[in-house]
Protein backbone atom coordinates (compact mmCIF):
# COMPACT_ATOMS: atom_id res chain seq x y z
CA MET A 1 4.02 -15.48 3.14
CA ARG A 2 0.55 -17.03 3.32
CA ARG A 3 -1.00 -13.84 3.18
CA LYS A 4 1.13 -12.87 0.27
CA LEU A 5 0.50 -16.31 -1.76
CA ILE A 6 -3.44 -15.51 -1.35
CA ILE A 7 -3.54 -12.02 -2.67
CA ILE A 8 -1.06 -13.30 -5.73
CA GLY A 9 -3.65 -16.13 -6.15
CA VAL A 10 -6.75 -14.01 -6.12
CA ILE A 11 -5.03 -11.60 -8.78
CA VAL A 12 -4.08 -14.51 -11.01
CA ILE A 13 -7.52 -16.40 -10.67
CA CYS A 14 -9.39 -13.08 -11.53
CA GLY A 15 -7.34 -12.56 -14.58
CA ALA A 16 -7.83 -16.19 -15.65
CA LEU A 17 -11.73 -15.66 -15.38
CA ALA A 18 -11.94 -12.40 -16.91
CA ALA A 19 -13.42 -12.78 -20.68
CA PRO A 20 -11.05 -11.52 -23.21
CA ALA A 21 -13.34 -8.99 -24.19
CA SER A 22 -13.14 -5.12 -21.54
CA ALA A 23 -13.80 -1.34 -22.25
CA GLY A 24 -10.68 -0.62 -24.29
CA GLU A 25 -9.78 2.31 -26.01
CA THR A 26 -6.15 4.14 -26.68
CA GLY A 27 -5.50 7.39 -24.80
CA TRP A 28 -5.08 8.72 -21.47
CA ARG A 29 -7.00 8.18 -18.32
CA LEU A 30 -6.70 9.98 -15.19
CA ARG A 31 -7.81 8.32 -11.98
CA VAL A 32 -8.57 10.07 -8.50
CA PHE A 33 -9.20 7.78 -5.46
CA GLY A 34 -9.63 7.19 -1.85
CA ALA A 35 -7.11 4.51 -0.68
CA TRP A 36 -7.49 2.22 2.44
CA MET A 37 -4.02 1.24 3.30
CA ASP A 38 -3.64 -2.11 5.40
CA PRO A 39 -0.12 -2.91 6.32
CA ASN A 40 0.75 -6.26 7.65
CA LEU A 41 3.15 -5.61 10.49
CA ASP A 42 2.92 -7.54 13.70
CA GLU A 43 6.64 -8.57 15.14
CA THR A 44 8.22 -8.87 18.54
CA ILE A 45 11.90 -7.78 19.08
CA PRO A 46 14.06 -8.12 22.18
CA ALA A 47 14.76 -4.97 24.17
CA GLY A 48 17.33 -6.49 26.95
CA ASN A 49 16.60 -7.70 30.48
CA HIS A 50 14.39 -10.53 28.92
CA GLU A 51 11.90 -8.05 27.84
CA GLU A 52 10.25 -7.77 24.28
CA ILE A 53 8.62 -5.12 22.50
CA ARG A 54 5.78 -5.83 20.32
CA VAL A 55 5.39 -3.58 17.10
CA THR A 56 2.22 -3.73 15.22
CA ALA A 57 0.40 -1.29 12.76
CA SER A 58 -3.29 -0.26 11.83
CA SER A 59 -4.93 0.40 8.72
CA ASP A 60 -5.53 4.21 7.62
CA PHE A 61 -7.54 5.88 4.94
CA GLY A 62 -5.81 8.17 2.62
CA PHE A 63 -5.98 9.65 -1.24
CA GLY A 64 -4.09 9.26 -4.36
CA ALA A 65 -4.21 9.61 -8.25
CA SER A 66 -2.72 8.09 -11.43
CA LEU A 67 -2.23 8.59 -14.98
CA GLU A 68 -2.25 6.00 -17.64
CA TYR A 69 -1.42 6.28 -21.27
CA GLN A 70 -3.09 3.12 -22.92
CA PHE A 71 -1.29 2.65 -26.17
CA THR A 72 -2.96 -0.05 -27.36
CA GLU A 73 -6.49 -1.65 -26.56
CA ARG A 74 -4.94 -4.16 -24.13
CA LEU A 75 -1.65 -2.41 -22.84
CA GLY A 76 -0.94 0.67 -20.90
CA LEU A 77 1.59 2.26 -18.56
CA GLU A 78 0.43 3.67 -15.50
CA LEU A 79 2.17 6.31 -13.05
CA GLY A 80 0.48 6.82 -9.77
CA ALA A 81 0.96 8.04 -6.02
CA PHE A 82 -0.94 7.73 -2.74
CA SER A 83 -0.50 8.49 0.75
CA ALA A 84 -1.96 7.51 4.11
CA SER A 85 -0.69 7.47 7.87
CA PRO A 86 -1.01 4.18 9.62
CA GLU A 87 -0.40 4.15 13.24
CA VAL A 88 2.44 2.10 14.41
CA GLU A 89 2.23 0.76 17.95
CA LEU A 90 5.08 -0.26 20.40
CA SER A 91 3.79 -2.28 23.34
CA ALA A 92 5.57 -4.11 26.16
CA ASP A 93 4.98 -5.51 29.69
CA ILE A 94 7.51 -3.34 31.74
CA PRO A 95 8.38 -4.04 35.42
CA GLY A 96 7.14 -1.27 37.54
CA TYR A 97 4.89 0.11 34.87
CA GLY A 98 2.85 -2.70 33.76
CA HIS A 99 1.63 -2.91 30.19
CA LEU A 100 3.07 0.15 28.28
CA SER A 101 1.73 0.96 24.78
CA LEU A 102 3.14 4.26 22.45
CA THR A 103 1.64 5.22 19.46
CA ASP A 104 2.40 7.41 16.60
CA SER A 105 1.05 8.01 13.02
CA MET A 106 3.53 7.20 10.35
CA SER A 107 3.31 9.06 7.12
CA THR A 108 3.51 6.64 4.17
CA ARG A 109 3.83 8.02 0.59
CA VAL A 110 3.89 5.47 -2.22
CA ILE A 111 4.81 6.19 -5.92
CA THR A 112 3.99 3.11 -8.43
CA LEU A 113 4.90 2.62 -12.00
CA ASP A 114 2.60 -0.26 -13.37
CA PHE A 115 2.71 -2.04 -16.70
CA ASP A 116 -1.28 -2.52 -17.08
CA VAL A 117 -2.92 -5.46 -19.32
CA HIS A 118 -6.52 -4.75 -19.98
CA LEU A 119 -8.55 -8.01 -20.46
CA THR A 120 -11.79 -6.95 -21.69
CA PRO A 121 -11.20 -4.45 -24.81
CA ASN A 122 -14.47 -5.25 -26.66
CA SER A 123 -16.88 -4.16 -23.81
CA PRO A 124 -18.51 -0.63 -24.05
CA SER A 125 -18.65 -0.16 -20.38
CA ILE A 126 -16.30 -2.46 -18.23
CA ASP A 127 -12.53 -2.40 -18.16
CA PHE A 128 -11.01 -5.11 -16.17
CA TYR A 129 -7.11 -4.98 -15.91
CA LEU A 130 -4.21 -6.44 -14.19
CA GLY A 131 -0.82 -4.55 -13.53
CA ALA A 132 2.53 -5.35 -12.13
CA GLY A 133 5.43 -2.95 -11.60
CA VAL A 134 7.55 -0.95 -9.06
CA ALA A 135 6.64 0.82 -5.85
CA ASN A 136 8.68 3.39 -4.05
CA MET A 137 7.53 3.58 -0.37
CA GLY A 138 8.63 6.47 1.77
CA PHE A 139 8.13 6.38 5.33
CA GLY A 140 7.91 9.27 7.75
CA SER A 141 10.03 9.26 11.10
CA LEU A 142 8.32 8.09 14.30
CA HIS A 143 8.23 10.05 17.72
CA TYR A 144 7.07 8.63 20.95
CA ILE A 145 6.88 9.99 24.67
CA ASP A 146 7.52 7.36 27.25
CA PRO A 147 5.65 7.54 30.79
CA ASP A 148 8.60 9.49 32.33
CA GLY A 149 8.24 12.22 29.56
CA ASP A 150 11.50 11.06 27.71
CA PRO A 151 11.34 11.23 23.73
CA LEU A 152 11.90 8.14 21.48
CA ASP A 153 12.56 9.13 18.11
CA LEU A 154 12.82 6.45 15.35
CA GLY A 155 14.28 7.02 12.09
CA THR A 156 12.78 4.94 8.86
CA GLY A 157 14.34 4.22 5.43
CA ASN A 158 12.62 4.13 1.95
CA GLU A 159 11.89 1.00 0.25
CA LEU A 160 11.89 0.38 -3.61
CA THR A 161 9.94 -3.00 -4.18
CA TRP A 162 7.69 -4.54 -6.62
CA THR A 163 3.88 -4.69 -6.55
CA LEU A 164 0.52 -6.42 -8.32
CA LYS A 165 -2.86 -5.10 -8.78
CA ALA A 166 -6.33 -6.12 -10.12
CA SER A 167 -8.33 -3.04 -10.91
CA LEU A 168 -12.06 -2.42 -12.57
CA ASP A 169 -13.34 0.73 -14.28
CA ILE A 170 -16.91 1.17 -15.15
CA ALA A 171 -18.17 3.90 -17.66
CA PHE A 172 -20.84 6.46 -16.76
CA GLY A 173 -22.96 5.96 -20.04
CA ASP A 174 -21.65 7.41 -23.02
CA SER A 175 -19.66 10.25 -20.98
CA LYS A 176 -15.66 10.34 -20.42
CA TRP A 177 -16.14 9.86 -16.84
CA GLY A 178 -16.33 6.62 -15.01
CA GLY A 179 -15.82 4.81 -11.73
CA THR A 180 -12.75 2.96 -10.65
CA GLY A 181 -11.73 0.55 -7.95
CA GLY A 182 -9.10 -2.02 -7.24
CA ILE A 183 -6.95 -4.00 -5.05
CA ARG A 184 -2.97 -3.76 -4.72
CA PHE A 185 -0.41 -5.77 -2.89
CA ILE A 186 3.01 -4.19 -2.17
CA ASP A 187 6.12 -6.57 -1.06
CA ALA A 188 7.69 -4.30 1.29
CA ASP A 189 10.00 -4.22 4.47
CA LEU A 190 10.29 -1.13 6.90
CA GLU A 191 13.68 -0.20 8.29
CA VAL A 192 13.76 1.49 11.91
CA TRP A 193 16.45 2.74 13.54
CA ASN A 194 16.63 4.82 16.98
CA GLU A 195 18.01 8.23 16.48
CA ASP A 196 19.81 8.36 19.54
CA ASP A 197 21.57 5.15 18.84
CA ILE A 198 20.08 3.41 21.86
CA PRO A 199 20.93 -0.69 21.35
CA GLY A 200 18.07 -3.00 20.64
CA LEU A 201 15.78 -0.57 18.57
CA THR A 202 17.21 -0.98 15.04
CA ALA A 203 15.49 -3.57 13.08
CA THR A 204 13.88 -4.42 9.76
CA PHE A 205 10.26 -5.53 9.78
CA GLY A 206 8.10 -7.06 6.95
CA PHE A 207 5.55 -4.44 5.96
CA ASP A 208 3.75 -6.07 3.29
CA THR A 209 0.65 -3.88 2.21
CA ILE A 210 -2.81 -4.26 0.84
CA THR A 211 -4.38 -1.00 -0.49
CA ALA A 212 -7.95 -1.21 -1.60
CA THR A 213 -9.20 2.04 -3.86
CA ILE A 214 -12.17 3.56 -5.00
CA GLY A 215 -12.67 6.71 -7.04
CA VAL A 216 -13.45 8.18 -10.40
CA ALA A 217 -11.84 8.20 -13.77
CA TYR A 218 -11.65 10.43 -16.76
CA ASN A 219 -10.59 9.67 -20.31
CA PHE A 220 -9.15 12.14 -22.67
């Protein structure tokens, strides 16, 4: 919760400090970008016999694109998608094995629909804008192999949730090209279940995600 409030506060403060004056023009804008996805997953679940399993996720770099139609100097609607594959680690201290750690990459695909508010419509080169909308997160299944060679297959559910972002476009001179970058917060949960119906491995984890992007934009 504290991390979530900090991100929301940063976005609100940026909006308050922005002069009501960025590069604003109506029309279409295509953005292609690299995306650094950082999920906030670090939880512990009971596993029987007074044992616990720690579940954590690492950051990963992926790619994405978006298309915005700016129908006034200040307002636009943007459809985007990006993906990455953060590693999800299961770790525990198991009698007879010591510390056990299993990892697998989880394909994570995000589709977003944002209502954008452009805050600097009079600037010829800078476009600072805030966005709020919905995000659909699709998670791939997880496959682990324990020290005895037995498989552990975990299914995952999709998540439809809300998202906030703060972004900046910078024009390359008088051309239609420019640079783009931003930061996005997604409030999400990750539902996981054991595909072999083994008790103790069905749970829902907080999966709030911060994504930083950088790339190029083209106006047309």
